Amino acid sequence: YISHLLGHESEGSLLSLLKAKGWVDSLCAGESASASDFSLFELQMALTEEGDNKVGEILRLAFACLNMLRASPPSEWVFEESRSLAEMGFLYKEQDEPMDAANS
Protein backbone atom coordinates (compact mmCIF):
# COMPACT_ATOMS: atom_id res chain seq x y z
CA TYR A 1 0.00 0.00 0.00
CA ILE A 2 2.66 2.50 1.08
CA SER A 3 5.07 1.55 -1.68
CA HIS A 4 2.29 1.86 -4.25
CA LEU A 5 1.45 5.40 -3.11
CA LEU A 6 5.05 6.61 -2.74
CA GLY A 7 5.95 5.47 -6.25
CA HIS A 8 2.68 6.52 -7.87
CA GLU A 9 3.19 8.94 -10.74
CA SER A 10 -0.11 10.80 -10.40
CA GLU A 11 -0.39 14.49 -9.61
CA GLY A 12 0.09 15.14 -5.91
CA SER A 13 2.31 12.12 -5.28
CA LEU A 14 5.77 12.33 -3.78
CA LEU A 15 7.32 11.19 -7.06
CA SER A 16 5.46 13.76 -9.16
CA LEU A 17 6.41 16.55 -6.74
CA LEU A 18 10.09 15.60 -6.72
CA LYS A 19 10.17 15.22 -10.51
CA ALA A 20 8.47 18.60 -10.97
CA LYS A 21 11.17 20.19 -8.81
CA GLY A 22 13.79 18.48 -10.98
CA TRP A 23 15.26 16.62 -8.01
CA VAL A 24 14.66 12.96 -8.95
CA ASP A 25 14.45 10.86 -12.08
CA SER A 26 12.87 7.80 -10.45
CA LEU A 27 11.64 6.44 -7.15
CA CYS A 28 11.23 2.86 -6.00
CA ALA A 29 9.75 1.80 -2.65
CA GLY A 30 9.10 -1.55 -1.03
CA GLU A 31 10.35 -4.35 1.14
CA SER A 32 14.09 -4.87 0.79
CA ALA A 33 14.71 -7.66 3.30
CA SER A 34 12.64 -9.70 5.68
CA ALA A 35 12.83 -12.45 8.25
CA SER A 36 10.24 -14.23 10.35
CA ASP A 37 10.00 -11.34 12.81
CA PHE A 38 10.78 -8.17 10.80
CA SER A 39 10.93 -6.51 7.42
CA LEU A 40 12.90 -3.58 6.12
CA PHE A 41 11.18 -0.97 3.97
CA GLU A 42 13.38 0.82 1.47
CA LEU A 43 12.86 4.03 -0.46
CA GLN A 44 15.32 4.45 -3.34
CA MET A 45 15.56 7.53 -5.50
CA ALA A 46 17.73 8.33 -8.50
CA LEU A 47 18.64 11.94 -7.78
CA THR A 48 19.46 14.54 -10.39
CA GLU A 49 22.49 16.80 -9.95
CA GLU A 50 20.18 19.41 -8.44
CA GLY A 51 18.65 16.73 -6.21
CA ASP A 52 22.10 15.87 -4.86
CA ASN A 53 22.12 19.36 -3.37
CA LYS A 54 18.60 19.02 -1.92
CA VAL A 55 18.88 15.75 0.05
CA GLY A 56 17.67 17.34 3.30
CA GLU A 57 14.60 18.82 1.61
CA ILE A 58 13.89 15.54 -0.20
CA LEU A 59 14.02 13.64 3.09
CA ARG A 60 11.74 16.20 4.75
CA LEU A 61 9.18 15.77 1.95
CA ALA A 62 9.44 11.96 2.08
CA PHE A 63 8.82 11.88 5.84
CA ALA A 64 6.00 14.42 5.50
CA CYS A 65 4.38 12.13 2.95
CA LEU A 66 4.78 9.11 5.26
CA ASN A 67 3.26 11.06 8.15
CA MET A 68 0.33 12.09 5.96
CA LEU A 69 -0.25 8.44 5.00
CA ARG A 70 -0.10 7.41 8.64
CA ALA A 71 -2.76 9.97 9.56
CA SER A 72 -5.16 8.96 6.76
CA PRO A 73 -7.30 5.83 6.63
CA PRO A 74 -6.57 3.42 3.76
CA SER A 75 -8.22 4.42 0.49
CA GLU A 76 -10.42 2.03 -1.46
CA TRP A 77 -9.09 3.26 -4.83
CA VAL A 78 -5.54 2.19 -3.91
CA PHE A 79 -6.65 -1.38 -3.23
CA GLU A 80 -8.73 -1.46 -6.40
CA GLU A 81 -5.87 -0.11 -8.52
CA SER A 82 -3.43 -2.62 -6.97
CA ARG A 83 -5.90 -5.45 -7.56
CA SER A 84 -6.38 -4.42 -11.19
CA LEU A 85 -2.64 -4.21 -11.80
CA ALA A 86 -2.07 -7.64 -10.25
CA GLU A 87 -4.90 -9.12 -12.31
CA MET A 88 -3.49 -7.67 -15.55
CA GLY A 89 -0.04 -8.97 -14.62
CA PHE A 90 -1.50 -12.45 -14.15
CA LEU A 91 -3.65 -12.41 -17.28
CA TYR A 92 -0.91 -11.11 -19.57
CA LYS A 93 2.08 -12.87 -18.03
CA GLU A 94 4.49 -14.28 -20.55
CA GLN A 95 4.46 -18.04 -20.62
CA ASP A 96 7.39 -19.58 -18.77
CA GLU A 97 9.72 -22.01 -20.48
CA PRO A 98 8.99 -25.58 -19.33
CA MET A 99 12.69 -26.03 -18.52
CA ASP A 100 12.45 -23.20 -15.97
CA ALA A 101 9.90 -25.22 -13.98
CA ALA A 102 12.01 -28.41 -13.90
CA ASN A 103 13.92 -29.43 -10.78
CA SER A 104 17.09 -31.47 -10.82
PDB file of N, CA and C in Angstrom:
ATOM      1  N   TYR A   1       0.822  -1.187   0.000  1.00  0.00           N
ATOM      2  CA  TYR A   1       0.000   0.000   0.000  1.00  0.00           C
ATOM      3  C   TYR A   1       0.871   1.258   0.000  1.00  0.00           C
ATOM      4  N   ILE A   2       1.794   1.323   0.963  1.00  0.00           N
ATOM      5  CA  ILE A   2       2.660   2.505   1.082  1.00  0.00           C
ATOM      6  C   ILE A   2       3.586   2.617  -0.122  1.00  0.00           C
ATOM      7  N   SER A   3       4.165   1.506  -0.529  1.00  0.00           N
ATOM      8  CA  SER A   3       5.074   1.552  -1.681  1.00  0.00           C
ATOM      9  C   SER A   3       4.332   1.963  -2.942  1.00  0.00           C
ATOM     10  N   HIS A   4       3.093   1.505  -3.084  1.00  0.00           N
ATOM     11  CA  HIS A   4       2.290   1.861  -4.254  1.00  0.00           C
ATOM     12  C   HIS A   4       2.063   3.375  -4.295  1.00  0.00           C
ATOM     13  N   LEU A   5       1.724   3.958  -3.147  1.00  0.00           N
ATOM     14  CA  LEU A   5       1.447   5.399  -3.110  1.00  0.00           C
ATOM     15  C   LEU A   5       2.714   6.238  -3.251  1.00  0.00           C
ATOM     16  N   LEU A   6       3.801   5.834  -2.640  1.00  0.00           N
ATOM     17  CA  LEU A   6       5.046   6.613  -2.740  1.00  0.00           C
ATOM     18  C   LEU A   6       5.567   6.654  -4.171  1.00  0.00           C
ATOM     19  N   GLY A   7       5.438   5.537  -4.883  1.00  0.00           N
ATOM     20  CA  GLY A   7       5.951   5.470  -6.246  1.00  0.00           C
ATOM     21  C   GLY A   7       4.938   5.832  -7.313  1.00  0.00           C
ATOM     22  N   HIS A   8       3.733   6.181  -6.902  1.00  0.00           N
ATOM     23  CA  HIS A   8       2.682   6.520  -7.868  1.00  0.00           C
ATOM     24  C   HIS A   8       3.094   7.775  -8.634  1.00  0.00           C
ATOM     25  N   GLU A   9       2.772   7.820  -9.908  1.00  0.00           N
ATOM     26  CA  GLU A   9       3.195   8.945 -10.740  1.00  0.00           C
ATOM     27  C   GLU A   9       2.102   9.988 -10.938  1.00  0.00           C
ATOM     28  N   SER A  10       0.987   9.845 -10.224  1.00  0.00           N
ATOM     29  CA  SER A  10      -0.111  10.796 -10.404  1.00  0.00           C
ATOM     30  C   SER A  10       0.203  12.134  -9.756  1.00  0.00           C
ATOM     31  N   GLU A  11      -0.549  13.145 -10.167  1.00  0.00           N
ATOM     32  CA  GLU A  11      -0.394  14.489  -9.612  1.00  0.00           C
ATOM     33  C   GLU A  11      -0.630  14.436  -8.097  1.00  0.00           C
ATOM     34  N   GLY A  12       0.222  15.109  -7.359  1.00  0.00           N
ATOM     35  CA  GLY A  12       0.091  15.142  -5.915  1.00  0.00           C
ATOM     36  C   GLY A  12       0.903  14.090  -5.190  1.00  0.00           C
ATOM     37  N   SER A  13       1.492  13.155  -5.920  1.00  0.00           N
ATOM     38  CA  SER A  13       2.305  12.116  -5.279  1.00  0.00           C
ATOM     39  C   SER A  13       3.700  12.651  -4.974  1.00  0.00           C
ATOM     40  N   LEU A  14       4.392  11.953  -4.113  1.00  0.00           N
ATOM     41  CA  LEU A  14       5.765  12.329  -3.782  1.00  0.00           C
ATOM     42  C   LEU A  14       6.633  12.326  -5.034  1.00  0.00           C
ATOM     43  N   LEU A  15       6.517  11.283  -5.837  1.00  0.00           N
ATOM     44  CA  LEU A  15       7.322  11.190  -7.056  1.00  0.00           C
ATOM     45  C   LEU A  15       7.035  12.344  -8.012  1.00  0.00           C
ATOM     46  N   SER A  16       5.771  12.666  -8.224  1.00  0.00           N
ATOM     47  CA  SER A  16       5.460  13.759  -9.160  1.00  0.00           C
ATOM     48  C   SER A  16       5.978  15.093  -8.636  1.00  0.00           C
ATOM     49  N   LEU A  17       5.899  15.310  -7.331  1.00  0.00           N
ATOM     50  CA  LEU A  17       6.412  16.546  -6.741  1.00  0.00           C
ATOM     51  C   LEU A  17       7.927  16.658  -6.929  1.00  0.00           C
ATOM     52  N   LEU A  18       8.631  15.575  -6.609  1.00  0.00           N
ATOM     53  CA  LEU A  18      10.093  15.603  -6.715  1.00  0.00           C
ATOM     54  C   LEU A  18      10.558  15.712  -8.169  1.00  0.00           C
ATOM     55  N   LYS A  19       9.829  15.087  -9.082  1.00  0.00           N
ATOM     56  CA  LYS A  19      10.166  15.217 -10.507  1.00  0.00           C
ATOM     57  C   LYS A  19       9.915  16.643 -10.987  1.00  0.00           C
ATOM     58  N   ALA A  20       8.799  17.230 -10.556  1.00  0.00           N
ATOM     59  CA  ALA A  20       8.472  18.603 -10.968  1.00  0.00           C
ATOM     60  C   ALA A  20       9.526  19.590 -10.486  1.00  0.00           C
ATOM     61  N   LYS A  21      10.110  19.340  -9.334  1.00  0.00           N
ATOM     62  CA  LYS A  21      11.170  20.195  -8.811  1.00  0.00           C
ATOM     63  C   LYS A  21      12.507  19.926  -9.498  1.00  0.00           C
ATOM     64  N   GLY A  22      12.559  18.838 -10.289  1.00  0.00           N
ATOM     65  CA  GLY A  22      13.791  18.484 -10.984  1.00  0.00           C
ATOM     66  C   GLY A  22      14.817  17.817 -10.076  1.00  0.00           C
ATOM     67  N   TRP A  23      14.346  17.197  -9.005  1.00  0.00           N
ATOM     68  CA  TRP A  23      15.258  16.623  -8.013  1.00  0.00           C
ATOM     69  C   TRP A  23      15.473  15.126  -8.166  1.00  0.00           C
ATOM     70  N   VAL A  24      14.515  14.404  -8.776  1.00  0.00           N
ATOM     71  CA  VAL A  24      14.663  12.957  -8.954  1.00  0.00           C
ATOM     72  C   VAL A  24      14.257  12.551 -10.363  1.00  0.00           C
ATOM     73  N   ASP A  25      14.851  11.457 -10.805  1.00  0.00           N
ATOM     74  CA  ASP A  25      14.454  10.858 -12.081  1.00  0.00           C
ATOM     75  C   ASP A  25      13.513   9.680 -11.852  1.00  0.00           C
ATOM     76  N   SER A  26      13.717   8.958 -10.738  1.00  0.00           N
ATOM     77  CA  SER A  26      12.874   7.803 -10.448  1.00  0.00           C
ATOM     78  C   SER A  26      12.822   7.564  -8.946  1.00  0.00           C
ATOM     79  N   LEU A  27      11.826   6.775  -8.550  1.00  0.00           N
ATOM     80  CA  LEU A  27      11.639   6.436  -7.150  1.00  0.00           C
ATOM     81  C   LEU A  27      11.112   5.013  -7.092  1.00  0.00           C
ATOM     82  N   CYS A  28      11.662   4.237  -6.193  1.00  0.00           N
ATOM     83  CA  CYS A  28      11.229   2.856  -6.000  1.00  0.00           C
ATOM     84  C   CYS A  28      11.095   2.623  -4.504  1.00  0.00           C
ATOM     85  N   ALA A  29       9.984   2.040  -4.075  1.00  0.00           N
ATOM     86  CA  ALA A  29       9.749   1.804  -2.650  1.00  0.00           C
ATOM     87  C   ALA A  29       9.208   0.399  -2.451  1.00  0.00           C
ATOM     88  N   GLY A  30       9.616  -0.223  -1.352  1.00  0.00           N
ATOM     89  CA  GLY A  30       9.100  -1.548  -1.027  1.00  0.00           C
ATOM     90  C   GLY A  30       9.986  -2.282  -0.052  1.00  0.00           C
ATOM     91  N   GLU A  31       9.605  -3.511   0.207  1.00  0.00           N
ATOM     92  CA  GLU A  31      10.350  -4.347   1.136  1.00  0.00           C
ATOM     93  C   GLU A  31      11.696  -4.722   0.537  1.00  0.00           C
ATOM     94  N   SER A  32      12.768  -4.544   1.308  1.00  0.00           N
ATOM     95  CA  SER A  32      14.094  -4.871   0.792  1.00  0.00           C
ATOM     96  C   SER A  32      14.661  -6.128   1.416  1.00  0.00           C
ATOM     97  N   ALA A  33      14.246  -6.453   2.618  1.00  0.00           N
ATOM     98  CA  ALA A  33      14.709  -7.665   3.298  1.00  0.00           C
ATOM     99  C   ALA A  33      13.685  -8.018   4.357  1.00  0.00           C
ATOM    100  N   SER A  34      13.569  -9.304   4.637  1.00  0.00           N
ATOM    101  CA  SER A  34      12.637  -9.705   5.679  1.00  0.00           C
ATOM    102  C   SER A  34      13.104 -10.998   6.321  1.00  0.00           C
ATOM    103  N   ALA A  35      12.611 -11.217   7.509  1.00  0.00           N
ATOM    104  CA  ALA A  35      12.835 -12.454   8.251  1.00  0.00           C
ATOM    105  C   ALA A  35      11.498 -12.800   8.903  1.00  0.00           C
ATOM    106  N   SER A  36      11.504 -13.808   9.743  1.00  0.00           N
ATOM    107  CA  SER A  36      10.238 -14.230  10.345  1.00  0.00           C
ATOM    108  C   SER A  36       9.659 -13.183  11.282  1.00  0.00           C
ATOM    109  N   ASP A  37      10.497 -12.295  11.817  1.00  0.00           N
ATOM    110  CA  ASP A  37       9.997 -11.339  12.806  1.00  0.00           C
ATOM    111  C   ASP A  37      10.196  -9.872  12.429  1.00  0.00           C
ATOM    112  N   PHE A  38      10.642  -9.568  11.213  1.00  0.00           N
ATOM    113  CA  PHE A  38      10.779  -8.173  10.803  1.00  0.00           C
ATOM    114  C   PHE A  38      10.903  -8.060   9.292  1.00  0.00           C
ATOM    115  N   SER A  39      10.705  -6.856   8.823  1.00  0.00           N
ATOM    116  CA  SER A  39      10.929  -6.513   7.418  1.00  0.00           C
ATOM    117  C   SER A  39      11.542  -5.129   7.369  1.00  0.00           C
ATOM    118  N   LEU A  40      12.338  -4.899   6.355  1.00  0.00           N
ATOM    119  CA  LEU A  40      12.902  -3.576   6.117  1.00  0.00           C
ATOM    120  C   LEU A  40      12.201  -2.963   4.912  1.00  0.00           C
ATOM    121  N   PHE A  41      11.811  -1.710   5.064  1.00  0.00           N
ATOM    122  CA  PHE A  41      11.180  -0.970   3.972  1.00  0.00           C
ATOM    123  C   PHE A  41      12.213  -0.004   3.420  1.00  0.00           C
ATOM    124  N   GLU A  42      12.342   0.013   2.107  1.00  0.00           N
ATOM    125  CA  GLU A  42      13.378   0.820   1.471  1.00  0.00           C
ATOM    126  C   GLU A  42      12.749   1.796   0.486  1.00  0.00           C
ATOM    127  N   LEU A  43      13.278   2.997   0.487  1.00  0.00           N
ATOM    128  CA  LEU A  43      12.859   4.027  -0.455  1.00  0.00           C
ATOM    129  C   LEU A  43      14.112   4.464  -1.217  1.00  0.00           C
ATOM    130  N   GLN A  44      14.173   4.111  -2.501  1.00  0.00           N
ATOM    131  CA  GLN A  44      15.318   4.452  -3.341  1.00  0.00           C
ATOM    132  C   GLN A  44      14.906   5.521  -4.336  1.00  0.00           C
ATOM    133  N   MET A  45      15.809   6.480  -4.520  1.00  0.00           N
ATOM    134  CA  MET A  45      15.560   7.534  -5.500  1.00  0.00           C
ATOM    135  C   MET A  45      16.821   7.751  -6.325  1.00  0.00           C
ATOM    136  N   ALA A  46      16.633   7.921  -7.628  1.00  0.00           N
ATOM    137  CA  ALA A  46      17.727   8.331  -8.498  1.00  0.00           C
ATOM    138  C   ALA A  46      17.682   9.849  -8.552  1.00  0.00           C
ATOM    139  N   LEU A  47      18.631  10.483  -7.869  1.00  0.00           N
ATOM    140  CA  LEU A  47      18.641  11.939  -7.782  1.00  0.00           C
ATOM    141  C   LEU A  47      19.291  12.569  -9.006  1.00  0.00           C
ATOM    142  N   THR A  48      18.809  13.732  -9.363  1.00  0.00           N
ATOM    143  CA  THR A  48      19.457  14.538 -10.390  1.00  0.00           C
ATOM    144  C   THR A  48      20.624  15.278  -9.735  1.00  0.00           C
ATOM    145  N   GLU A  49      21.403  15.996 -10.531  1.00  0.00           N
ATOM    146  CA  GLU A  49      22.486  16.799  -9.953  1.00  0.00           C
ATOM    147  C   GLU A  49      21.925  17.823  -8.970  1.00  0.00           C
ATOM    148  N   GLU A  50      20.809  18.446  -9.343  1.00  0.00           N
ATOM    149  CA  GLU A  50      20.181  19.408  -8.439  1.00  0.00           C
ATOM    150  C   GLU A  50      19.673  18.716  -7.180  1.00  0.00           C
ATOM    151  N   GLY A  51      19.130  17.494  -7.343  1.00  0.00           N
ATOM    152  CA  GLY A  51      18.645  16.729  -6.209  1.00  0.00           C
ATOM    153  C   GLY A  51      19.744  16.376  -5.228  1.00  0.00           C
ATOM    154  N   ASP A  52      20.962  16.157  -5.737  1.00  0.00           N
ATOM    155  CA  ASP A  52      22.105  15.874  -4.858  1.00  0.00           C
ATOM    156  C   ASP A  52      22.324  17.007  -3.858  1.00  0.00           C
ATOM    157  N   ASN A  53      21.961  18.208  -4.251  1.00  0.00           N
ATOM    158  CA  ASN A  53      22.122  19.363  -3.368  1.00  0.00           C
ATOM    159  C   ASN A  53      20.899  19.622  -2.492  1.00  0.00           C
ATOM    160  N   LYS A  54      19.860  18.803  -2.647  1.00  0.00           N
ATOM    161  CA  LYS A  54      18.604  19.017  -1.918  1.00  0.00           C
ATOM    162  C   LYS A  54      18.217  17.799  -1.081  1.00  0.00           C
ATOM    163  N   VAL A  55      19.182  16.994  -0.664  1.00  0.00           N
ATOM    164  CA  VAL A  55      18.884  15.749   0.053  1.00  0.00           C
ATOM    165  C   VAL A  55      18.064  16.012   1.315  1.00  0.00           C
ATOM    166  N   GLY A  56      18.411  17.024   2.090  1.00  0.00           N
ATOM    167  CA  GLY A  56      17.667  17.343   3.303  1.00  0.00           C
ATOM    168  C   GLY A  56      16.218  17.666   3.013  1.00  0.00           C
ATOM    169  N   GLU A  57      15.967  18.449   1.988  1.00  0.00           N
ATOM    170  CA  GLU A  57      14.603  18.821   1.608  1.00  0.00           C
ATOM    171  C   GLU A  57      13.836  17.607   1.078  1.00  0.00           C
ATOM    172  N   ILE A  58      14.522  16.755   0.313  1.00  0.00           N
ATOM    173  CA  ILE A  58      13.891  15.538  -0.204  1.00  0.00           C
ATOM    174  C   ILE A  58      13.477  14.630   0.952  1.00  0.00           C
ATOM    175  N   LEU A  59      14.356  14.462   1.930  1.00  0.00           N
ATOM    176  CA  LEU A  59      14.021  13.637   3.093  1.00  0.00           C
ATOM    177  C   LEU A  59      12.862  14.234   3.882  1.00  0.00           C
ATOM    178  N   ARG A  60      12.843  15.546   4.035  1.00  0.00           N
ATOM    179  CA  ARG A  60      11.744  16.198   4.746  1.00  0.00           C
ATOM    180  C   ARG A  60      10.420  15.930   4.042  1.00  0.00           C
ATOM    181  N   LEU A  61      10.404  16.033   2.713  1.00  0.00           N
ATOM    182  CA  LEU A  61       9.182  15.770   1.953  1.00  0.00           C
ATOM    183  C   LEU A  61       8.770  14.295   2.036  1.00  0.00           C
ATOM    184  N   ALA A  62       9.747  13.394   1.983  1.00  0.00           N
ATOM    185  CA  ALA A  62       9.438  11.961   2.076  1.00  0.00           C
ATOM    186  C   ALA A  62       8.808  11.632   3.427  1.00  0.00           C
ATOM    187  N   PHE A  63       9.380  12.151   4.516  1.00  0.00           N
ATOM    188  CA  PHE A  63       8.816  11.879   5.836  1.00  0.00           C
ATOM    189  C   PHE A  63       7.472  12.582   6.030  1.00  0.00           C
ATOM    190  N   ALA A  64       7.297  13.742   5.436  1.00  0.00           N
ATOM    191  CA  ALA A  64       5.995  14.418   5.503  1.00  0.00           C
ATOM    192  C   ALA A  64       4.938  13.578   4.798  1.00  0.00           C
ATOM    193  N   CYS A  65       5.302  12.990   3.682  1.00  0.00           N
ATOM    194  CA  CYS A  65       4.380  12.125   2.946  1.00  0.00           C
ATOM    195  C   CYS A  65       4.030  10.890   3.779  1.00  0.00           C
ATOM    196  N   LEU A  66       5.033  10.276   4.405  1.00  0.00           N
ATOM    197  CA  LEU A  66       4.785   9.111   5.257  1.00  0.00           C
ATOM    198  C   LEU A  66       3.881   9.472   6.431  1.00  0.00           C
ATOM    199  N   ASN A  67       4.108  10.626   7.035  1.00  0.00           N
ATOM    200  CA  ASN A  67       3.261  11.062   8.150  1.00  0.00           C
ATOM    201  C   ASN A  67       1.828  11.316   7.698  1.00  0.00           C
ATOM    202  N   MET A  68       1.663  11.859   6.508  1.00  0.00           N
ATOM    203  CA  MET A  68       0.332  12.090   5.962  1.00  0.00           C
ATOM    204  C   MET A  68      -0.383  10.755   5.730  1.00  0.00           C
ATOM    205  N   LEU A  69       0.337   9.760   5.214  1.00  0.00           N
ATOM    206  CA  LEU A  69      -0.254   8.444   4.997  1.00  0.00           C
ATOM    207  C   LEU A  69      -0.640   7.795   6.320  1.00  0.00           C
ATOM    208  N   ARG A  70       0.185   7.979   7.322  1.00  0.00           N
ATOM    209  CA  ARG A  70      -0.100   7.409   8.639  1.00  0.00           C
ATOM    210  C   ARG A  70      -1.380   8.003   9.230  1.00  0.00           C
ATOM    211  N   ALA A  71      -1.604   9.270   8.975  1.00  0.00           N
ATOM    212  CA  ALA A  71      -2.757   9.973   9.556  1.00  0.00           C
ATOM    213  C   ALA A  71      -4.057   9.722   8.794  1.00  0.00           C
ATOM    214  N   SER A  72      -3.968   9.159   7.595  1.00  0.00           N
ATOM    215  CA  SER A  72      -5.155   8.955   6.760  1.00  0.00           C
ATOM    216  C   SER A  72      -5.568   7.488   6.757  1.00  0.00           C
ATOM    217  N   PRO A  73      -6.861   7.223   6.740  1.00  0.00           N
ATOM    218  CA  PRO A  73      -7.296   5.829   6.626  1.00  0.00           C
ATOM    219  C   PRO A  73      -6.976   5.301   5.228  1.00  0.00           C
ATOM    220  N   PRO A  74      -6.826   3.988   5.088  1.00  0.00           N
ATOM    221  CA  PRO A  74      -6.566   3.419   3.756  1.00  0.00           C
ATOM    222  C   PRO A  74      -7.674   3.793   2.774  1.00  0.00           C
ATOM    223  N   SER A  75      -7.274   4.021   1.533  1.00  0.00           N
ATOM    224  CA  SER A  75      -8.220   4.423   0.488  1.00  0.00           C
ATOM    225  C   SER A  75      -8.613   3.233  -0.371  1.00  0.00           C
ATOM    226  N   GLU A  76      -9.897   3.132  -0.653  1.00  0.00           N
ATOM    227  CA  GLU A  76     -10.420   2.027  -1.463  1.00  0.00           C
ATOM    228  C   GLU A  76      -9.803   2.018  -2.863  1.00  0.00           C
ATOM    229  N   TRP A  77      -9.597   3.204  -3.463  1.00  0.00           N
ATOM    230  CA  TRP A  77      -9.090   3.257  -4.833  1.00  0.00           C
ATOM    231  C   TRP A  77      -7.688   2.657  -4.936  1.00  0.00           C
ATOM    232  N   VAL A  78      -6.894   2.753  -3.873  1.00  0.00           N
ATOM    233  CA  VAL A  78      -5.543   2.185  -3.907  1.00  0.00           C
ATOM    234  C   VAL A  78      -5.620   0.669  -3.997  1.00  0.00           C
ATOM    235  N   PHE A  79      -6.487   0.076  -3.187  1.00  0.00           N
ATOM    236  CA  PHE A  79      -6.648  -1.376  -3.231  1.00  0.00           C
ATOM    237  C   PHE A  79      -7.201  -1.830  -4.568  1.00  0.00           C
ATOM    238  N   GLU A  80      -8.163  -1.094  -5.108  1.00  0.00           N
ATOM    239  CA  GLU A  80      -8.734  -1.456  -6.403  1.00  0.00           C
ATOM    240  C   GLU A  80      -7.699  -1.342  -7.524  1.00  0.00           C
ATOM    241  N   GLU A  81      -6.905  -0.282  -7.496  1.00  0.00           N
ATOM    242  CA  GLU A  81      -5.867  -0.113  -8.515  1.00  0.00           C
ATOM    243  C   GLU A  81      -4.819  -1.219  -8.403  1.00  0.00           C
ATOM    244  N   SER A  82      -4.412  -1.538  -7.187  1.00  0.00           N
ATOM    245  CA  SER A  82      -3.430  -2.617  -6.971  1.00  0.00           C
ATOM    246  C   SER A  82      -3.986  -3.960  -7.434  1.00  0.00           C
ATOM    247  N   ARG A  83      -5.261  -4.213  -7.130  1.00  0.00           N
ATOM    248  CA  ARG A  83      -5.899  -5.454  -7.555  1.00  0.00           C
ATOM    249  C   ARG A  83      -5.940  -5.545  -9.074  1.00  0.00           C
ATOM    250  N   SER A  84      -6.310  -4.441  -9.722  1.00  0.00           N
ATOM    251  CA  SER A  84      -6.384  -4.422 -11.189  1.00  0.00           C
ATOM    252  C   SER A  84      -5.017  -4.651 -11.823  1.00  0.00           C
ATOM    253  N   LEU A  85      -3.994  -4.032 -11.268  1.00  0.00           N
ATOM    254  CA  LEU A  85      -2.643  -4.215 -11.799  1.00  0.00           C
ATOM    255  C   LEU A  85      -2.174  -5.656 -11.637  1.00  0.00           C
ATOM    256  N   ALA A  86      -2.460  -6.251 -10.481  1.00  0.00           N
ATOM    257  CA  ALA A  86      -2.074  -7.639 -10.250  1.00  0.00           C
ATOM    258  C   ALA A  86      -2.824  -8.579 -11.190  1.00  0.00           C
ATOM    259  N   GLU A  87      -4.105  -8.304 -11.403  1.00  0.00           N
ATOM    260  CA  GLU A  87      -4.901  -9.123 -12.309  1.00  0.00           C
ATOM    261  C   GLU A  87      -4.375  -9.035 -13.744  1.00  0.00           C
ATOM    262  N   MET A  88      -4.050  -7.820 -14.193  1.00  0.00           N
ATOM    263  CA  MET A  88      -3.490  -7.666 -15.546  1.00  0.00           C
ATOM    264  C   MET A  88      -2.147  -8.376 -15.661  1.00  0.00           C
ATOM    265  N   GLY A  89      -1.325  -8.274 -14.607  1.00  0.00           N
ATOM    266  CA  GLY A  89      -0.039  -8.971 -14.616  1.00  0.00           C
ATOM    267  C   GLY A  89      -0.206 -10.468 -14.730  1.00  0.00           C
ATOM    268  N   PHE A  90      -1.235 -11.015 -14.087  1.00  0.00           N
ATOM    269  CA  PHE A  90      -1.503 -12.448 -14.152  1.00  0.00           C
ATOM    270  C   PHE A  90      -2.040 -12.838 -15.526  1.00  0.00           C
ATOM    271  N   LEU A  91      -3.015 -12.070 -16.015  1.00  0.00           N
ATOM    272  CA  LEU A  91      -3.653 -12.413 -17.284  1.00  0.00           C
ATOM    273  C   LEU A  91      -2.706 -12.307 -18.473  1.00  0.00           C
ATOM    274  N   TYR A  92      -1.789 -11.358 -18.424  1.00  0.00           N
ATOM    275  CA  TYR A  92      -0.913 -11.114 -19.573  1.00  0.00           C
ATOM    276  C   TYR A  92       0.533 -11.510 -19.313  1.00  0.00           C
ATOM    277  N   LYS A  93       0.735 -12.389 -18.344  1.00  0.00           N
ATOM    278  CA  LYS A  93       2.077 -12.869 -18.027  1.00  0.00           C
ATOM    279  C   LYS A  93       2.612 -13.696 -19.191  1.00  0.00           C
ATOM    280  N   GLU A  94       3.878 -13.479 -19.503  1.00  0.00           N
ATOM    281  CA  GLU A  94       4.492 -14.284 -20.549  1.00  0.00           C
ATOM    282  C   GLU A  94       4.601 -15.723 -20.063  1.00  0.00           C
ATOM    283  N   GLN A  95       4.400 -16.635 -20.984  1.00  0.00           N
ATOM    284  CA  GLN A  95       4.464 -18.043 -20.622  1.00  0.00           C
ATOM    285  C   GLN A  95       5.903 -18.415 -20.286  1.00  0.00           C
ATOM    286  N   ASP A  96       6.064 -19.129 -19.175  1.00  0.00           N
ATOM    287  CA  ASP A  96       7.391 -19.585 -18.766  1.00  0.00           C
ATOM    288  C   ASP A  96       7.850 -20.747 -19.639  1.00  0.00           C
ATOM    289  N   GLU A  97       9.140 -20.860 -19.793  1.00  0.00           N
ATOM    290  CA  GLU A  97       9.721 -22.006 -20.479  1.00  0.00           C
ATOM    291  C   GLU A  97       9.565 -23.232 -19.593  1.00  0.00           C
ATOM    292  N   PRO A  98       9.150 -24.378 -20.147  1.00  0.00           N
ATOM    293  CA  PRO A  98       8.986 -25.583 -19.326  1.00  0.00           C
ATOM    294  C   PRO A  98      10.271 -25.946 -18.557  1.00  0.00           C
ATOM    295  N   MET A  99      11.417 -25.692 -19.160  1.00  0.00           N
ATOM    296  CA  MET A  99      12.694 -26.027 -18.523  1.00  0.00           C
ATOM    297  C   MET A  99      12.884 -25.233 -17.220  1.00  0.00           C
ATOM    298  N   ASP A 100      12.312 -24.010 -17.167  1.00  0.00           N
ATOM    299  CA  ASP A 100      12.451 -23.197 -15.968  1.00  0.00           C
ATOM    300  C   ASP A 100      11.689 -23.773 -14.777  1.00  0.00           C
ATOM    301  N   ALA A 101      10.705 -24.623 -15.048  1.00  0.00           N
ATOM    302  CA  ALA A 101       9.903 -25.223 -13.979  1.00  0.00           C
ATOM    303  C   ALA A 101      10.462 -26.561 -13.509  1.00  0.00           C
ATOM    304  N   ALA A 102      11.453 -27.104 -14.233  1.00  0.00           N
ATOM    305  CA  ALA A 102      12.007 -28.409 -13.897  1.00  0.00           C
ATOM    306  C   ALA A 102      12.994 -28.311 -12.738  1.00  0.00           C
ATOM    307  N   ASN A 103      12.969 -29.323 -11.892  1.00  0.00           N
ATOM    308  CA  ASN A 103      13.923 -29.434 -10.780  1.00  0.00           C
ATOM    309  C   ASN A 103      14.889 -30.556 -11.068  1.00  0.00           C
ATOM    310  N   SER A 104      16.112 -30.398 -10.601  1.00  0.00           N
ATOM    311  CA  SER A 104      17.088 -31.469 -10.822  1.00  0.00           C
ATOM    312  C   SER A 104      17.145 -32.401  -9.637  1.00  0.00           C
TER     313      SER A 104
END
